[in-house]
Amino acid sequence: MSAPTSSERKACWGARDELWKCLDLNEDKRSACEKHQRDFEAKCPAQWVKYFIKRRDFLKYKEKIQTEGYEPTEGASKLS
């Protein structure tokens, strides 16, 4: 597999940004963004798709922790 060209990378990133924007507007309802999801998967290498999905999940989790704070579960052990 050869590395994507500059124009292929830009197309991939643009498709990713459109998908993320759609997900943000539709409260992460993937069914509402199927067209953007297909476009994203078509324009990006499979490994990139996997990475970007994990990246978005991480960023959403990080945002939630920063806004809502962290509450350990009741059974979680405490480090001392």
PDB file of N, CA and C in Angstrom:
ATOM      1  N   MET A   1       0.848  -1.183   0.000  1.00  0.00           N
ATOM      2  CA  MET A   1       0.000   0.000   0.000  1.00  0.00           C
ATOM      3  C   MET A   1       0.887   1.238   0.000  1.00  0.00           C
ATOM      4  N   SER A   2       0.658   2.109  -0.935  1.00  0.00           N
ATOM      5  CA  SER A   2       1.435   3.344  -1.007  1.00  0.00           C
ATOM      6  C   SER A   2       0.766   4.433  -0.160  1.00  0.00           C
ATOM      7  N   ALA A   3       1.562   5.386   0.230  1.00  0.00           N
ATOM      8  CA  ALA A   3       1.053   6.495   1.037  1.00  0.00           C
ATOM      9  C   ALA A   3       0.114   7.360   0.196  1.00  0.00           C
ATOM     10  N   PRO A   4      -0.939   7.864   0.811  1.00  0.00           N
ATOM     11  CA  PRO A   4      -1.874   8.739   0.087  1.00  0.00           C
ATOM     12  C   PRO A   4      -1.180  10.030  -0.355  1.00  0.00           C
ATOM     13  N   THR A   5      -1.592  10.527  -1.486  1.00  0.00           N
ATOM     14  CA  THR A   5      -1.052  11.796  -1.985  1.00  0.00           C
ATOM     15  C   THR A   5      -1.642  12.938  -1.169  1.00  0.00           C
ATOM     16  N   SER A   6      -1.108  14.105  -1.386  1.00  0.00           N
ATOM     17  CA  SER A   6      -1.586  15.292  -0.676  1.00  0.00           C
ATOM     18  C   SER A   6      -3.081  15.517  -0.931  1.00  0.00           C
ATOM     19  N   SER A   7      -3.502  15.380  -2.163  1.00  0.00           N
ATOM     20  CA  SER A   7      -4.919  15.603  -2.476  1.00  0.00           C
ATOM     21  C   SER A   7      -5.799  14.504  -1.880  1.00  0.00           C
ATOM     22  N   GLU A   8      -5.297  13.265  -1.814  1.00  0.00           N
ATOM     23  CA  GLU A   8      -6.063  12.180  -1.202  1.00  0.00           C
ATOM     24  C   GLU A   8      -6.197  12.404   0.311  1.00  0.00           C
ATOM     25  N   ARG A   9      -5.131  12.878   0.934  1.00  0.00           N
ATOM     26  CA  ARG A   9      -5.194  13.175   2.377  1.00  0.00           C
ATOM     27  C   ARG A   9      -6.205  14.283   2.645  1.00  0.00           C
ATOM     28  N   LYS A  10      -6.164  15.344   1.837  1.00  0.00           N
ATOM     29  CA  LYS A  10      -7.106  16.453   2.028  1.00  0.00           C
ATOM     30  C   LYS A  10      -8.549  15.983   1.844  1.00  0.00           C
ATOM     31  N   ALA A  11      -8.776  15.110   0.861  1.00  0.00           N
ATOM     32  CA  ALA A  11     -10.123  14.584   0.629  1.00  0.00           C
ATOM     33  C   ALA A  11     -10.579  13.750   1.829  1.00  0.00           C
ATOM     34  N   CYS A  12      -9.669  12.943   2.363  1.00  0.00           N
ATOM     35  CA  CYS A  12      -9.975  12.121   3.530  1.00  0.00           C
ATOM     36  C   CYS A  12     -10.318  13.001   4.724  1.00  0.00           C
ATOM     37  N   TRP A  13      -9.475  13.970   5.019  1.00  0.00           N
ATOM     38  CA  TRP A  13      -9.699  14.850   6.159  1.00  0.00           C
ATOM     39  C   TRP A  13     -10.984  15.646   6.003  1.00  0.00           C
ATOM     40  N   GLY A  14     -11.273  16.067   4.775  1.00  0.00           N
ATOM     41  CA  GLY A  14     -12.519  16.794   4.526  1.00  0.00           C
ATOM     42  C   GLY A  14     -13.736  15.914   4.789  1.00  0.00           C
ATOM     43  N   ALA A  15     -13.660  14.653   4.331  1.00  0.00           N
ATOM     44  CA  ALA A  15     -14.760  13.711   4.562  1.00  0.00           C
ATOM     45  C   ALA A  15     -14.912  13.422   6.055  1.00  0.00           C
ATOM     46  N   ARG A  16     -13.794  13.302   6.753  1.00  0.00           N
ATOM     47  CA  ARG A  16     -13.822  13.082   8.209  1.00  0.00           C
ATOM     48  C   ARG A  16     -14.483  14.271   8.908  1.00  0.00           C
ATOM     49  N   ASP A  17     -14.088  15.477   8.518  1.00  0.00           N
ATOM     50  CA  ASP A  17     -14.642  16.681   9.142  1.00  0.00           C
ATOM     51  C   ASP A  17     -16.145  16.793   8.901  1.00  0.00           C
ATOM     52  N   GLU A  18     -16.583  16.456   7.690  1.00  0.00           N
ATOM     53  CA  GLU A  18     -18.016  16.499   7.384  1.00  0.00           C
ATOM     54  C   GLU A  18     -18.781  15.474   8.215  1.00  0.00           C
ATOM     55  N   LEU A  19     -18.216  14.278   8.370  1.00  0.00           N
ATOM     56  CA  LEU A  19     -18.856  13.248   9.186  1.00  0.00           C
ATOM     57  C   LEU A  19     -18.946  13.711  10.636  1.00  0.00           C
ATOM     58  N   TRP A  20     -17.855  14.230  11.173  1.00  0.00           N
ATOM     59  CA  TRP A  20     -17.850  14.671  12.566  1.00  0.00           C
ATOM     60  C   TRP A  20     -18.842  15.806  12.775  1.00  0.00           C
ATOM     61  N   LYS A  21     -18.933  16.715  11.810  1.00  0.00           N
ATOM     62  CA  LYS A  21     -19.886  17.824  11.911  1.00  0.00           C
ATOM     63  C   LYS A  21     -21.318  17.284  11.931  1.00  0.00           C
ATOM     64  N   CYS A  22     -21.590  16.322  11.060  1.00  0.00           N
ATOM     65  CA  CYS A  22     -22.914  15.706  10.998  1.00  0.00           C
ATOM     66  C   CYS A  22     -23.228  15.005  12.323  1.00  0.00           C
ATOM     67  N   LEU A  23     -22.269  14.268  12.855  1.00  0.00           N
ATOM     68  CA  LEU A  23     -22.484  13.572  14.127  1.00  0.00           C
ATOM     69  C   LEU A  23     -22.722  14.558  15.262  1.00  0.00           C
ATOM     70  N   ASP A  24     -21.999  15.664  15.261  1.00  0.00           N
ATOM     71  CA  ASP A  24     -22.204  16.684  16.289  1.00  0.00           C
ATOM     72  C   ASP A  24     -23.607  17.275  16.204  1.00  0.00           C
ATOM     73  N   LEU A  25     -24.069  17.554  14.994  1.00  0.00           N
ATOM     74  CA  LEU A  25     -25.393  18.146  14.801  1.00  0.00           C
ATOM     75  C   LEU A  25     -26.521  17.172  15.120  1.00  0.00           C
ATOM     76  N   ASN A  26     -26.258  15.875  14.942  1.00  0.00           N
ATOM     77  CA  ASN A  26     -27.288  14.857  15.134  1.00  0.00           C
ATOM     78  C   ASN A  26     -27.071  14.031  16.396  1.00  0.00           C
ATOM     79  N   GLU A  27     -26.351  14.594  17.355  1.00  0.00           N
ATOM     80  CA  GLU A  27     -26.122  13.955  18.648  1.00  0.00           C
ATOM     81  C   GLU A  27     -25.599  12.535  18.512  1.00  0.00           C
ATOM     82  N   ASP A  28     -24.622  12.355  17.629  1.00  0.00           N
ATOM     83  CA  ASP A  28     -23.941  11.076  17.399  1.00  0.00           C
ATOM     84  C   ASP A  28     -24.848   9.957  16.896  1.00  0.00           C
ATOM     85  N   LYS A  29     -25.951  10.307  16.243  1.00  0.00           N
ATOM     86  CA  LYS A  29     -26.822   9.295  15.639  1.00  0.00           C
ATOM     87  C   LYS A  29     -26.237   8.912  14.286  1.00  0.00           C
ATOM     88  N   ARG A  30     -25.594   7.773  14.240  1.00  0.00           N
ATOM     89  CA  ARG A  30     -24.905   7.336  13.021  1.00  0.00           C
ATOM     90  C   ARG A  30     -25.868   7.127  11.857  1.00  0.00           C
ATOM     91  N   SER A  31     -27.101   6.750  12.148  1.00  0.00           N
ATOM     92  CA  SER A  31     -28.070   6.507  11.075  1.00  0.00           C
ATOM     93  C   SER A  31     -28.366   7.787  10.291  1.00  0.00           C
ATOM     94  N   ALA A  32     -28.272   8.940  10.938  1.00  0.00           N
ATOM     95  CA  ALA A  32     -28.536  10.216  10.276  1.00  0.00           C
ATOM     96  C   ALA A  32     -27.371  10.648   9.391  1.00  0.00           C
ATOM     97  N   CYS A  33     -26.214  10.012   9.582  1.00  0.00           N
ATOM     98  CA  CYS A  33     -25.001  10.430   8.866  1.00  0.00           C
ATOM     99  C   CYS A  33     -24.429   9.326   7.989  1.00  0.00           C
ATOM    100  N   GLU A  34     -25.277   8.410   7.540  1.00  0.00           N
ATOM    101  CA  GLU A  34     -24.798   7.278   6.742  1.00  0.00           C
ATOM    102  C   GLU A  34     -24.078   7.717   5.470  1.00  0.00           C
ATOM    103  N   LYS A  35     -24.607   8.730   4.807  1.00  0.00           N
ATOM    104  CA  LYS A  35     -23.985   9.211   3.562  1.00  0.00           C
ATOM    105  C   LYS A  35     -22.562   9.707   3.840  1.00  0.00           C
ATOM    106  N   HIS A  36     -22.415  10.459   4.907  1.00  0.00           N
ATOM    107  CA  HIS A  36     -21.098  10.985   5.271  1.00  0.00           C
ATOM    108  C   HIS A  36     -20.162   9.851   5.697  1.00  0.00           C
ATOM    109  N   GLN A  37     -20.715   8.851   6.381  1.00  0.00           N
ATOM    110  CA  GLN A  37     -19.914   7.703   6.802  1.00  0.00           C
ATOM    111  C   GLN A  37     -19.390   6.946   5.586  1.00  0.00           C
ATOM    112  N   ARG A  38     -20.243   6.702   4.605  1.00  0.00           N
ATOM    113  CA  ARG A  38     -19.816   5.995   3.389  1.00  0.00           C
ATOM    114  C   ARG A  38     -18.757   6.788   2.639  1.00  0.00           C
ATOM    115  N   ASP A  39     -18.943   8.094   2.543  1.00  0.00           N
ATOM    116  CA  ASP A  39     -17.984   8.963   1.867  1.00  0.00           C
ATOM    117  C   ASP A  39     -16.633   8.932   2.593  1.00  0.00           C
ATOM    118  N   PHE A  40     -16.672   9.014   3.907  1.00  0.00           N
ATOM    119  CA  PHE A  40     -15.476   8.963   4.734  1.00  0.00           C
ATOM    120  C   PHE A  40     -14.726   7.648   4.514  1.00  0.00           C
ATOM    121  N   GLU A  41     -15.445   6.527   4.553  1.00  0.00           N
ATOM    122  CA  GLU A  41     -14.821   5.221   4.372  1.00  0.00           C
ATOM    123  C   GLU A  41     -14.284   5.038   2.961  1.00  0.00           C
ATOM    124  N   ALA A  42     -14.925   5.663   1.974  1.00  0.00           N
ATOM    125  CA  ALA A  42     -14.466   5.549   0.591  1.00  0.00           C
ATOM    126  C   ALA A  42     -13.213   6.384   0.330  1.00  0.00           C
ATOM    127  N   LYS A  43     -13.084   7.505   1.007  1.00  0.00           N
ATOM    128  CA  LYS A  43     -11.971   8.419   0.732  1.00  0.00           C
ATOM    129  C   LYS A  43     -10.745   8.202   1.618  1.00  0.00           C
ATOM    130  N   CYS A  44     -10.891   7.423   2.688  1.00  0.00           N
ATOM    131  CA  CYS A  44      -9.778   7.224   3.625  1.00  0.00           C
ATOM    132  C   CYS A  44      -9.326   5.772   3.636  1.00  0.00           C
ATOM    133  N   PRO A  45      -8.027   5.554   3.836  1.00  0.00           N
ATOM    134  CA  PRO A  45      -7.548   4.182   4.026  1.00  0.00           C
ATOM    135  C   PRO A  45      -8.216   3.565   5.250  1.00  0.00           C
ATOM    136  N   ALA A  46      -8.434   2.261   5.211  1.00  0.00           N
ATOM    137  CA  ALA A  46      -9.142   1.573   6.300  1.00  0.00           C
ATOM    138  C   ALA A  46      -8.482   1.809   7.660  1.00  0.00           C
ATOM    139  N   GLN A  47      -7.169   1.811   7.693  1.00  0.00           N
ATOM    140  CA  GLN A  47      -6.461   2.021   8.957  1.00  0.00           C
ATOM    141  C   GLN A  47      -6.730   3.420   9.504  1.00  0.00           C
ATOM    142  N   TRP A  48      -6.830   4.395   8.612  1.00  0.00           N
ATOM    143  CA  TRP A  48      -7.126   5.772   9.023  1.00  0.00           C
ATOM    144  C   TRP A  48      -8.538   5.861   9.578  1.00  0.00           C
ATOM    145  N   VAL A  49      -9.483   5.172   8.930  1.00  0.00           N
ATOM    146  CA  VAL A  49     -10.873   5.172   9.395  1.00  0.00           C
ATOM    147  C   VAL A  49     -10.915   4.661  10.827  1.00  0.00           C
ATOM    148  N   LYS A  50     -10.256   3.541  11.060  1.00  0.00           N
ATOM    149  CA  LYS A  50     -10.205   2.949  12.398  1.00  0.00           C
ATOM    150  C   LYS A  50      -9.604   3.935  13.407  1.00  0.00           C
ATOM    151  N   TYR A  51      -8.500   4.573  13.035  1.00  0.00           N
ATOM    152  CA  TYR A  51      -7.840   5.531  13.912  1.00  0.00           C
ATOM    153  C   TYR A  51      -8.746   6.729  14.216  1.00  0.00           C
ATOM    154  N   PHE A  52      -9.350   7.315  13.180  1.00  0.00           N
ATOM    155  CA  PHE A  52     -10.182   8.502  13.377  1.00  0.00           C
ATOM    156  C   PHE A  52     -11.415   8.203  14.232  1.00  0.00           C
ATOM    157  N   ILE A  53     -11.989   7.006  14.104  1.00  0.00           N
ATOM    158  CA  ILE A  53     -13.136   6.637  14.929  1.00  0.00           C
ATOM    159  C   ILE A  53     -12.714   6.569  16.397  1.00  0.00           C
ATOM    160  N   LYS A  54     -11.567   5.927  16.651  1.00  0.00           N
ATOM    161  CA  LYS A  54     -11.056   5.853  18.028  1.00  0.00           C
ATOM    162  C   LYS A  54     -10.703   7.245  18.545  1.00  0.00           C
ATOM    163  N   ARG A  55     -10.147   8.076  17.684  1.00  0.00           N
ATOM    164  CA  ARG A  55      -9.761   9.433  18.072  1.00  0.00           C
ATOM    165  C   ARG A  55     -10.987  10.242  18.495  1.00  0.00           C
ATOM    166  N   ARG A  56     -12.057  10.146  17.710  1.00  0.00           N
ATOM    167  CA  ARG A  56     -13.285  10.885  18.049  1.00  0.00           C
ATOM    168  C   ARG A  56     -13.857  10.395  19.381  1.00  0.00           C
ATOM    169  N   ASP A  57     -13.882   9.087  19.560  1.00  0.00           N
ATOM    170  CA  ASP A  57     -14.384   8.541  20.826  1.00  0.00           C
ATOM    171  C   ASP A  57     -13.569   9.075  21.998  1.00  0.00           C
ATOM    172  N   PHE A  58     -12.237   9.089  21.847  1.00  0.00           N
ATOM    173  CA  PHE A  58     -11.366   9.588  22.903  1.00  0.00           C
ATOM    174  C   PHE A  58     -11.626  11.070  23.172  1.00  0.00           C
ATOM    175  N   LEU A  59     -11.732  11.877  22.123  1.00  0.00           N
ATOM    176  CA  LEU A  59     -11.953  13.313  22.301  1.00  0.00           C
ATOM    177  C   LEU A  59     -13.299  13.588  22.973  1.00  0.00           C
ATOM    178  N   LYS A  60     -14.324  12.823  22.617  1.00  0.00           N
ATOM    179  CA  LYS A  60     -15.635  12.988  23.247  1.00  0.00           C
ATOM    180  C   LYS A  60     -15.565  12.601  24.721  1.00  0.00           C
ATOM    181  N   TYR A  61     -14.852  11.518  25.024  1.00  0.00           N
ATOM    182  CA  TYR A  61     -14.688  11.080  26.411  1.00  0.00           C
ATOM    183  C   TYR A  61     -13.927  12.134  27.207  1.00  0.00           C
ATOM    184  N   LYS A  62     -12.861  12.654  26.631  1.00  0.00           N
ATOM    185  CA  LYS A  62     -12.048  13.679  27.300  1.00  0.00           C
ATOM    186  C   LYS A  62     -12.886  14.930  27.577  1.00  0.00           C
ATOM    187  N   GLU A  63     -13.685  15.332  26.598  1.00  0.00           N
ATOM    188  CA  GLU A  63     -14.560  16.502  26.765  1.00  0.00           C
ATOM    189  C   GLU A  63     -15.562  16.276  27.891  1.00  0.00           C
ATOM    190  N   LYS A  64     -16.119  15.079  27.954  1.00  0.00           N
ATOM    191  CA  LYS A  64     -17.085  14.748  29.001  1.00  0.00           C
ATOM    192  C   LYS A  64     -16.429  14.811  30.380  1.00  0.00           C
ATOM    193  N   ILE A  65     -15.236  14.268  30.504  1.00  0.00           N
ATOM    194  CA  ILE A  65     -14.520  14.283  31.784  1.00  0.00           C
ATOM    195  C   ILE A  65     -14.220  15.720  32.207  1.00  0.00           C
ATOM    196  N   GLN A  66     -13.833  16.555  31.253  1.00  0.00           N
ATOM    197  CA  GLN A  66     -13.492  17.942  31.565  1.00  0.00           C
ATOM    198  C   GLN A  66     -14.712  18.760  31.964  1.00  0.00           C
ATOM    199  N   THR A  67     -15.857  18.479  31.376  1.00  0.00           N
ATOM    200  CA  THR A  67     -17.051  19.265  31.688  1.00  0.00           C
ATOM    201  C   THR A  67     -17.821  18.711  32.885  1.00  0.00           C
ATOM    202  N   GLU A  68     -17.884  17.390  32.998  1.00  0.00           N
ATOM    203  CA  GLU A  68     -18.684  16.782  34.058  1.00  0.00           C
ATOM    204  C   GLU A  68     -17.847  16.324  35.249  1.00  0.00           C
ATOM    205  N   GLY A  69     -16.557  16.225  35.067  1.00  0.00           N
ATOM    206  CA  GLY A  69     -15.694  15.726  36.132  1.00  0.00           C
ATOM    207  C   GLY A  69     -15.639  14.214  36.129  1.00  0.00           C
ATOM    208  N   TYR A  70     -14.793  13.694  36.967  1.00  0.00           N
ATOM    209  CA  TYR A  70     -14.610  12.245  37.049  1.00  0.00           C
ATOM    210  C   TYR A  70     -15.137  11.733  38.370  1.00  0.00           C
ATOM    211  N   GLU A  71     -15.995  10.756  38.314  1.00  0.00           N
ATOM    212  CA  GLU A  71     -16.518  10.100  39.507  1.00  0.00           C
ATOM    213  C   GLU A  71     -16.185   8.619  39.382  1.00  0.00           C
ATOM    214  N   PRO A  72     -15.308   8.105  40.254  1.00  0.00           N
ATOM    215  CA  PRO A  72     -14.996   6.675  40.179  1.00  0.00           C
ATOM    216  C   PRO A  72     -16.222   5.842  40.516  1.00  0.00           C
ATOM    217  N   THR A  73     -16.297   4.673  39.931  1.00  0.00           N
ATOM    218  CA  THR A  73     -17.410   3.792  40.242  1.00  0.00           C
ATOM    219  C   THR A  73     -17.282   3.307  41.670  1.00  0.00           C
ATOM    220  N   GLU A  74     -18.378   2.859  42.234  1.00  0.00           N
ATOM    221  CA  GLU A  74     -18.419   2.475  43.635  1.00  0.00           C
ATOM    222  C   GLU A  74     -17.427   1.360  43.964  1.00  0.00           C
ATOM    223  N   GLY A  75     -17.269   0.401  43.069  1.00  0.00           N
ATOM    224  CA  GLY A  75     -16.392  -0.729  43.323  1.00  0.00           C
ATOM    225  C   GLY A  75     -14.943  -0.502  42.921  1.00  0.00           C
ATOM    226  N   ALA A  76     -14.633   0.665  42.403  1.00  0.00           N
ATOM    227  CA  ALA A  76     -13.270   0.935  41.937  1.00  0.00           C
ATOM    228  C   ALA A  76     -12.316   1.002  43.119  1.00  0.00           C
ATOM    229  N   SER A  77     -11.170   0.356  42.959  1.00  0.00           N
ATOM    230  CA  SER A  77     -10.180   0.396  44.045  1.00  0.00           C
ATOM    231  C   SER A  77      -9.468   1.741  44.039  1.00  0.00           C
ATOM    232  N   LYS A  78      -9.045   2.161  45.197  1.00  0.00           N
ATOM    233  CA  LYS A  78      -8.344   3.437  45.320  1.00  0.00           C
ATOM    234  C   LYS A  78      -6.851   3.168  45.410  1.00  0.00           C
ATOM    235  N   LEU A  79      -6.095   3.908  44.629  1.00  0.00           N
ATOM    236  CA  LEU A  79      -4.649   3.782  44.665  1.00  0.00           C
ATOM    237  C   LEU A  79      -4.107   4.567  45.843  1.00  0.00           C
ATOM    238  N   SER A  80      -3.248   3.950  46.636  1.00  0.00           N
ATOM    239  CA  SER A  80      -2.650   4.682  47.751  1.00  0.00           C
ATOM    240  C   SER A  80      -1.172   4.424  47.817  1.00  0.00           C
TER     241      SER A  80
END
